[in-house]
Amino acid sequence: MITLFAVAILLTSTSFATKNEEPSLQIQNAFNGMFVNTTQVEWTSVSNLYQVTFMQAGQYLTAYYNISGEFISLSRNITISMLPLILHGKLQDKLSNAWVSNCFELYRENGTEYYVTLENSNEKTIYRSNNTDWSTYKMIQK
């Protein structure tokens, strides 16, 4: 349930986001304790969570915290070549009639998941990893 909630927030965050809403000092301190040497830090309020996008070590990251300052998740866009080898190999079968429009890694305290959106002329399909294979997370007809 937590995974679905985190991904739903991540995928729909731009629809319900309030830009430049500074979180409490407790949330900012939690972020600063977890991430050092960050630049381009931008906070957004999303439902009951705070989303922070930032750059660290040359890559853009997005982290989520609840209103108590507890870390929820961290994501980054990746290329398909950055996927674990087993997932990359199993994705190749799905690419025969589609292209990759989005690929990201989602880290939470209990593990890392990968999401890939494949599109063709008729539909978008979002796949979610389950460690060694892909399962359909969501299909959207165009």
N, C-alpha and C. Protein backbone atom coordinates (compact mmCIF):
# COMPACT_ATOMS: atom_id res chain seq x y z
N MET A 1 0.82 -1.19 0.00
CA MET A 1 0.00 0.00 0.00
C MET A 1 0.87 1.26 0.00
N ILE A 2 1.93 1.25 0.81
CA ILE A 2 2.79 2.43 0.89
C ILE A 2 3.44 2.70 -0.45
N THR A 3 3.85 1.62 -1.14
CA THR A 3 4.48 1.78 -2.46
C THR A 3 3.50 2.43 -3.42
N LEU A 4 2.28 1.92 -3.46
CA LEU A 4 1.29 2.49 -4.37
C LEU A 4 1.02 3.95 -4.05
N PHE A 5 0.95 4.27 -2.77
CA PHE A 5 0.74 5.64 -2.36
C PHE A 5 1.89 6.53 -2.80
N ALA A 6 3.11 6.08 -2.56
CA ALA A 6 4.29 6.88 -2.93
C ALA A 6 4.36 7.10 -4.43
N VAL A 7 4.08 6.06 -5.20
CA VAL A 7 4.14 6.19 -6.65
C VAL A 7 3.01 7.07 -7.15
N ALA A 8 1.81 6.91 -6.59
CA ALA A 8 0.69 7.76 -7.00
C ALA A 8 1.01 9.22 -6.74
N ILE A 9 1.60 9.52 -5.60
CA ILE A 9 2.00 10.89 -5.29
C ILE A 9 3.05 11.36 -6.28
N LEU A 10 4.01 10.51 -6.56
CA LEU A 10 5.10 10.87 -7.47
C LEU A 10 4.59 11.15 -8.87
N LEU A 11 3.69 10.30 -9.36
CA LEU A 11 3.20 10.45 -10.73
C LEU A 11 2.22 11.60 -10.90
N THR A 12 1.52 11.98 -9.83
CA THR A 12 0.52 13.04 -9.95
C THR A 12 0.90 14.32 -9.23
N SER A 13 2.11 14.41 -8.78
CA SER A 13 2.51 15.54 -7.93
C SER A 13 2.35 16.88 -8.62
N THR A 14 2.57 16.97 -9.90
CA THR A 14 2.47 18.26 -10.55
C THR A 14 1.04 18.76 -10.62
N SER A 15 0.06 17.85 -10.54
CA SER A 15 -1.34 18.27 -10.63
C SER A 15 -1.81 18.99 -9.38
N PHE A 16 -1.29 18.62 -8.24
CA PHE A 16 -1.78 19.15 -6.97
C PHE A 16 -0.70 19.87 -6.18
N ALA A 17 0.33 20.29 -6.84
CA ALA A 17 1.47 20.88 -6.15
C ALA A 17 1.28 22.37 -5.92
N THR A 18 1.80 22.83 -4.79
CA THR A 18 1.86 24.24 -4.48
C THR A 18 3.33 24.61 -4.43
N LYS A 19 3.80 25.38 -5.39
CA LYS A 19 5.22 25.70 -5.51
C LYS A 19 5.68 26.63 -4.39
N ASN A 20 6.96 26.52 -4.08
CA ASN A 20 7.67 27.42 -3.18
C ASN A 20 7.03 27.53 -1.80
N GLU A 21 6.45 26.50 -1.31
CA GLU A 21 5.92 26.51 0.05
C GLU A 21 6.99 25.94 0.97
N GLU A 22 7.59 26.78 1.77
CA GLU A 22 8.67 26.35 2.65
C GLU A 22 8.13 25.45 3.76
N PRO A 23 8.76 24.31 3.96
CA PRO A 23 8.34 23.41 5.04
C PRO A 23 8.86 23.91 6.39
N SER A 24 8.44 23.23 7.43
CA SER A 24 8.89 23.59 8.78
C SER A 24 10.39 23.37 8.90
N LEU A 25 10.96 23.97 9.93
CA LEU A 25 12.39 23.78 10.19
C LEU A 25 12.72 22.32 10.46
N GLN A 26 11.81 21.59 11.08
CA GLN A 26 12.00 20.17 11.37
C GLN A 26 12.19 19.39 10.06
N ILE A 27 11.38 19.69 9.06
CA ILE A 27 11.48 19.00 7.76
C ILE A 27 12.76 19.40 7.05
N GLN A 28 13.09 20.69 7.08
CA GLN A 28 14.32 21.16 6.44
C GLN A 28 15.55 20.55 7.10
N ASN A 29 15.53 20.44 8.43
CA ASN A 29 16.65 19.82 9.14
C ASN A 29 16.79 18.34 8.79
N ALA A 30 15.66 17.64 8.65
CA ALA A 30 15.70 16.23 8.25
C ALA A 30 16.33 16.10 6.86
N PHE A 31 15.94 16.97 5.95
CA PHE A 31 16.50 16.96 4.60
C PHE A 31 18.00 17.26 4.64
N ASN A 32 18.38 18.32 5.33
CA ASN A 32 19.79 18.72 5.40
C ASN A 32 20.66 17.67 6.08
N GLY A 33 20.09 16.91 7.01
CA GLY A 33 20.84 15.84 7.67
C GLY A 33 21.05 14.63 6.76
N MET A 34 20.14 14.46 5.83
CA MET A 34 20.21 13.31 4.93
C MET A 34 20.99 13.60 3.65
N PHE A 35 20.93 14.83 3.17
CA PHE A 35 21.56 15.20 1.91
C PHE A 35 22.48 16.40 2.12
N VAL A 36 23.73 16.25 1.74
CA VAL A 36 24.70 17.34 1.88
C VAL A 36 25.14 17.80 0.50
N ASN A 37 25.67 19.01 0.45
CA ASN A 37 26.18 19.59 -0.79
C ASN A 37 25.14 19.59 -1.91
N THR A 38 23.93 20.02 -1.56
CA THR A 38 22.86 20.10 -2.55
C THR A 38 22.78 21.51 -3.12
N THR A 39 22.29 21.60 -4.33
CA THR A 39 22.04 22.90 -4.97
C THR A 39 20.67 22.85 -5.61
N GLN A 40 20.19 23.99 -6.03
CA GLN A 40 18.92 24.13 -6.73
C GLN A 40 17.77 23.47 -5.96
N VAL A 41 17.72 23.69 -4.67
CA VAL A 41 16.71 23.08 -3.81
C VAL A 41 15.39 23.85 -3.97
N GLU A 42 14.33 23.10 -4.28
CA GLU A 42 13.00 23.71 -4.44
C GLU A 42 11.96 22.84 -3.74
N TRP A 43 11.23 23.45 -2.83
CA TRP A 43 10.21 22.76 -2.06
C TRP A 43 8.84 22.96 -2.68
N THR A 44 8.02 21.91 -2.60
CA THR A 44 6.66 21.95 -3.09
C THR A 44 5.79 21.17 -2.11
N SER A 45 4.60 21.68 -1.85
CA SER A 45 3.66 20.96 -1.02
C SER A 45 2.76 20.12 -1.93
N VAL A 46 2.68 18.81 -1.63
CA VAL A 46 1.87 17.88 -2.42
C VAL A 46 0.99 17.10 -1.46
N SER A 47 -0.31 17.36 -1.49
CA SER A 47 -1.24 16.72 -0.55
C SER A 47 -0.72 16.94 0.86
N ASN A 48 -0.46 15.87 1.60
CA ASN A 48 0.05 15.98 2.97
C ASN A 48 1.55 15.71 3.03
N LEU A 49 2.24 15.86 1.91
CA LEU A 49 3.67 15.62 1.85
C LEU A 49 4.39 16.85 1.35
N TYR A 50 5.68 16.88 1.63
CA TYR A 50 6.55 17.91 1.06
C TYR A 50 7.48 17.22 0.07
N GLN A 51 7.52 17.78 -1.12
CA GLN A 51 8.40 17.29 -2.18
C GLN A 51 9.54 18.28 -2.30
N VAL A 52 10.75 17.77 -2.36
CA VAL A 52 11.91 18.63 -2.55
C VAL A 52 12.69 18.11 -3.75
N THR A 53 12.87 18.97 -4.73
CA THR A 53 13.69 18.62 -5.88
C THR A 53 15.01 19.36 -5.71
N PHE A 54 16.09 18.69 -6.08
CA PHE A 54 17.40 19.28 -5.84
C PHE A 54 18.44 18.58 -6.71
N MET A 55 19.60 19.19 -6.76
CA MET A 55 20.71 18.59 -7.48
C MET A 55 21.78 18.19 -6.46
N GLN A 56 22.30 16.98 -6.63
CA GLN A 56 23.39 16.50 -5.77
C GLN A 56 24.29 15.62 -6.64
N ALA A 57 25.56 15.89 -6.57
CA ALA A 57 26.57 15.12 -7.32
C ALA A 57 26.23 15.04 -8.81
N GLY A 58 25.73 16.14 -9.36
CA GLY A 58 25.47 16.21 -10.79
C GLY A 58 24.19 15.58 -11.27
N GLN A 59 23.32 15.15 -10.38
CA GLN A 59 22.05 14.58 -10.82
C GLN A 59 20.88 15.19 -10.05
N TYR A 60 19.76 15.29 -10.76
CA TYR A 60 18.54 15.81 -10.14
C TYR A 60 17.83 14.70 -9.40
N LEU A 61 17.41 14.98 -8.18
CA LEU A 61 16.72 14.02 -7.33
C LEU A 61 15.44 14.65 -6.80
N THR A 62 14.51 13.81 -6.39
CA THR A 62 13.28 14.26 -5.76
C THR A 62 13.06 13.42 -4.52
N ALA A 63 12.88 14.08 -3.39
CA ALA A 63 12.63 13.38 -2.12
C ALA A 63 11.28 13.83 -1.57
N TYR A 64 10.67 12.95 -0.79
CA TYR A 64 9.39 13.25 -0.16
C TYR A 64 9.51 13.05 1.34
N TYR A 65 8.90 13.97 2.09
CA TYR A 65 8.84 13.91 3.54
C TYR A 65 7.41 14.13 3.98
N ASN A 66 7.03 13.48 5.08
CA ASN A 66 5.70 13.77 5.62
C ASN A 66 5.77 15.02 6.49
N ILE A 67 4.64 15.46 7.00
CA ILE A 67 4.61 16.72 7.74
C ILE A 67 5.36 16.65 9.07
N SER A 68 5.69 15.43 9.53
CA SER A 68 6.48 15.26 10.75
C SER A 68 7.97 15.27 10.48
N GLY A 69 8.35 15.36 9.21
CA GLY A 69 9.76 15.38 8.85
C GLY A 69 10.35 14.01 8.60
N GLU A 70 9.51 12.98 8.49
CA GLU A 70 10.00 11.63 8.23
C GLU A 70 10.19 11.42 6.73
N PHE A 71 11.32 10.85 6.37
CA PHE A 71 11.62 10.54 4.98
C PHE A 71 10.66 9.48 4.46
N ILE A 72 10.10 9.71 3.25
CA ILE A 72 9.19 8.76 2.63
C ILE A 72 9.85 8.05 1.46
N SER A 73 10.40 8.82 0.51
CA SER A 73 11.01 8.20 -0.66
C SER A 73 11.95 9.16 -1.37
N LEU A 74 12.75 8.58 -2.26
CA LEU A 74 13.70 9.33 -3.08
C LEU A 74 13.61 8.76 -4.48
N SER A 75 13.53 9.64 -5.48
CA SER A 75 13.47 9.14 -6.86
C SER A 75 14.43 9.92 -7.74
N ARG A 76 14.77 9.26 -8.85
CA ARG A 76 15.58 9.91 -9.86
C ARG A 76 15.23 9.30 -11.20
N ASN A 77 15.24 10.14 -12.22
CA ASN A 77 15.06 9.64 -13.57
C ASN A 77 16.34 8.94 -13.98
N ILE A 78 16.18 7.83 -14.68
CA ILE A 78 17.34 7.06 -15.14
C ILE A 78 17.11 6.66 -16.60
N THR A 79 18.16 6.21 -17.24
CA THR A 79 18.03 5.64 -18.57
C THR A 79 17.82 4.13 -18.41
N ILE A 80 17.32 3.48 -19.45
CA ILE A 80 17.10 2.04 -19.32
C ILE A 80 18.41 1.27 -19.16
N SER A 81 19.50 1.86 -19.63
CA SER A 81 20.79 1.18 -19.45
C SER A 81 21.24 1.19 -17.99
N MET A 82 20.62 2.02 -17.15
CA MET A 82 20.96 2.06 -15.73
C MET A 82 20.15 1.07 -14.90
N LEU A 83 19.20 0.39 -15.54
CA LEU A 83 18.41 -0.62 -14.83
C LEU A 83 19.30 -1.80 -14.46
N PRO A 84 18.93 -2.55 -13.41
CA PRO A 84 19.65 -3.79 -13.12
C PRO A 84 19.61 -4.69 -14.36
N LEU A 85 20.65 -5.45 -14.57
CA LEU A 85 20.78 -6.26 -15.79
C LEU A 85 19.58 -7.17 -16.04
N ILE A 86 19.07 -7.82 -15.01
CA ILE A 86 17.94 -8.74 -15.21
C ILE A 86 16.71 -7.99 -15.68
N LEU A 87 16.46 -6.80 -15.14
CA LEU A 87 15.29 -6.01 -15.55
C LEU A 87 15.49 -5.44 -16.95
N HIS A 88 16.70 -5.02 -17.23
CA HIS A 88 17.01 -4.48 -18.56
C HIS A 88 16.76 -5.55 -19.62
N GLY A 89 17.22 -6.75 -19.38
CA GLY A 89 17.03 -7.83 -20.33
C GLY A 89 15.57 -8.17 -20.55
N LYS A 90 14.80 -8.21 -19.49
CA LYS A 90 13.38 -8.54 -19.61
C LYS A 90 12.56 -7.41 -20.22
N LEU A 91 13.08 -6.21 -20.18
CA LEU A 91 12.39 -5.08 -20.81
C LEU A 91 12.54 -5.12 -22.32
N GLN A 92 13.62 -5.67 -22.81
CA GLN A 92 13.88 -5.71 -24.25
C GLN A 92 12.74 -6.40 -25.01
N ASP A 93 12.14 -7.43 -24.42
CA ASP A 93 11.03 -8.13 -25.07
C ASP A 93 9.82 -7.22 -25.26
N LYS A 94 9.63 -6.28 -24.36
CA LYS A 94 8.46 -5.39 -24.41
C LYS A 94 8.67 -4.22 -25.37
N LEU A 95 9.89 -4.01 -25.82
CA LEU A 95 10.21 -2.84 -26.65
C LEU A 95 10.00 -3.05 -28.15
N SER A 96 9.55 -4.21 -28.55
CA SER A 96 9.44 -4.47 -29.99
C SER A 96 8.45 -3.54 -30.68
N ASN A 97 7.37 -3.16 -30.01
CA ASN A 97 6.36 -2.29 -30.61
C ASN A 97 6.12 -1.03 -29.79
N ALA A 98 7.10 -0.60 -29.01
CA ALA A 98 6.91 0.56 -28.14
C ALA A 98 8.23 1.26 -27.91
N TRP A 99 8.14 2.46 -27.35
CA TRP A 99 9.33 3.22 -26.98
C TRP A 99 9.23 3.62 -25.52
N VAL A 100 10.36 3.91 -24.90
CA VAL A 100 10.42 4.32 -23.51
C VAL A 100 10.20 5.83 -23.43
N SER A 101 9.19 6.24 -22.67
CA SER A 101 8.95 7.67 -22.49
C SER A 101 9.31 8.14 -21.09
N ASN A 102 9.50 7.22 -20.15
CA ASN A 102 9.88 7.59 -18.80
C ASN A 102 10.49 6.37 -18.12
N CYS A 103 11.49 6.61 -17.31
CA CYS A 103 12.13 5.53 -16.55
C CYS A 103 12.67 6.16 -15.26
N PHE A 104 12.25 5.63 -14.12
CA PHE A 104 12.78 6.17 -12.87
C PHE A 104 12.95 5.10 -11.82
N GLU A 105 13.82 5.42 -10.88
CA GLU A 105 14.14 4.57 -9.75
C GLU A 105 13.50 5.19 -8.51
N LEU A 106 12.86 4.38 -7.70
CA LEU A 106 12.21 4.86 -6.48
C LEU A 106 12.78 4.10 -5.30
N TYR A 107 13.45 4.84 -4.41
CA TYR A 107 14.04 4.24 -3.21
C TYR A 107 13.19 4.60 -2.01
N ARG A 108 12.87 3.59 -1.23
CA ARG A 108 12.22 3.78 0.07
C ARG A 108 13.02 2.97 1.08
N GLU A 109 12.77 3.15 2.33
CA GLU A 109 13.56 2.47 3.35
C GLU A 109 13.51 0.95 3.24
N ASN A 110 12.46 0.41 2.65
CA ASN A 110 12.38 -1.05 2.54
C ASN A 110 12.78 -1.58 1.17
N GLY A 111 13.40 -0.74 0.33
CA GLY A 111 13.90 -1.25 -0.93
C GLY A 111 13.78 -0.28 -2.09
N THR A 112 14.27 -0.71 -3.24
CA THR A 112 14.27 0.09 -4.45
C THR A 112 13.39 -0.57 -5.49
N GLU A 113 12.59 0.25 -6.16
CA GLU A 113 11.76 -0.23 -7.25
C GLU A 113 12.07 0.59 -8.48
N TYR A 114 11.73 0.04 -9.63
CA TYR A 114 11.93 0.72 -10.90
C TYR A 114 10.61 0.80 -11.63
N TYR A 115 10.38 1.91 -12.31
CA TYR A 115 9.17 2.13 -13.10
C TYR A 115 9.58 2.56 -14.50
N VAL A 116 8.94 1.97 -15.49
CA VAL A 116 9.20 2.31 -16.87
C VAL A 116 7.87 2.52 -17.58
N THR A 117 7.77 3.61 -18.32
CA THR A 117 6.58 3.87 -19.13
C THR A 117 6.93 3.58 -20.58
N LEU A 118 6.18 2.66 -21.18
CA LEU A 118 6.34 2.34 -22.59
C LEU A 118 5.11 2.84 -23.33
N GLU A 119 5.35 3.41 -24.50
CA GLU A 119 4.25 3.94 -25.31
C GLU A 119 4.29 3.37 -26.70
N ASN A 120 3.12 3.26 -27.29
CA ASN A 120 3.00 3.04 -28.72
C ASN A 120 1.90 3.98 -29.20
N SER A 121 1.44 3.83 -30.42
CA SER A 121 0.47 4.78 -30.95
C SER A 121 -0.89 4.68 -30.28
N ASN A 122 -1.18 3.57 -29.59
CA ASN A 122 -2.50 3.37 -29.00
C ASN A 122 -2.57 3.51 -27.49
N GLU A 123 -1.47 3.26 -26.80
CA GLU A 123 -1.54 3.26 -25.33
C GLU A 123 -0.20 3.53 -24.67
N LYS A 124 -0.30 3.87 -23.39
CA LYS A 124 0.85 4.01 -22.50
C LYS A 124 0.71 2.91 -21.47
N THR A 125 1.80 2.21 -21.20
CA THR A 125 1.78 1.19 -20.15
C THR A 125 2.92 1.48 -19.19
N ILE A 126 2.57 1.56 -17.91
CA ILE A 126 3.58 1.77 -16.87
C ILE A 126 3.85 0.41 -16.23
N TYR A 127 5.12 0.02 -16.25
CA TYR A 127 5.54 -1.24 -15.65
C TYR A 127 6.30 -0.96 -14.36
N ARG A 128 6.13 -1.84 -13.40
CA ARG A 128 6.80 -1.73 -12.11
C ARG A 128 7.62 -2.98 -11.90
N SER A 129 8.81 -2.84 -11.36
CA SER A 129 9.66 -4.00 -11.11
C SER A 129 9.24 -4.71 -9.83
N ASN A 130 9.49 -6.01 -9.81
CA ASN A 130 9.33 -6.78 -8.59
C ASN A 130 10.61 -7.58 -8.35
N ASN A 131 11.72 -6.91 -8.44
CA ASN A 131 13.07 -7.43 -8.25
C ASN A 131 13.65 -8.13 -9.47
N THR A 132 12.94 -9.08 -10.07
CA THR A 132 13.51 -9.83 -11.18
C THR A 132 12.66 -9.79 -12.44
N ASP A 133 11.48 -9.16 -12.40
CA ASP A 133 10.61 -9.10 -13.56
C ASP A 133 9.76 -7.84 -13.50
N TRP A 134 8.96 -7.63 -14.53
CA TRP A 134 8.09 -6.46 -14.63
C TRP A 134 6.64 -6.90 -14.49
N SER A 135 5.86 -6.07 -13.83
CA SER A 135 4.41 -6.28 -13.80
C SER A 135 3.76 -4.99 -14.26
N THR A 136 2.58 -5.10 -14.83
CA THR A 136 1.86 -3.92 -15.30
C THR A 136 1.32 -3.16 -14.12
N TYR A 137 1.68 -1.90 -14.01
CA TYR A 137 1.20 -1.05 -12.93
C TYR A 137 -0.05 -0.30 -13.37
N LYS A 138 -0.04 0.22 -14.62
CA LYS A 138 -1.16 0.99 -15.12
C LYS A 138 -1.12 1.04 -16.64
N MET A 139 -2.31 0.97 -17.26
CA MET A 139 -2.42 1.13 -18.71
C MET A 139 -3.33 2.31 -19.00
N ILE A 140 -2.94 3.12 -19.98
CA ILE A 140 -3.70 4.30 -20.35
C ILE A 140 -3.90 4.28 -21.86
N GLN A 141 -5.16 4.27 -22.27
CA GLN A 141 -5.46 4.33 -23.71
C GLN A 141 -5.32 5.77 -24.20
N LYS A 142 -4.78 5.92 -25.38
CA LYS A 142 -4.62 7.27 -25.97
C LYS A 142 -5.85 7.66 -26.74
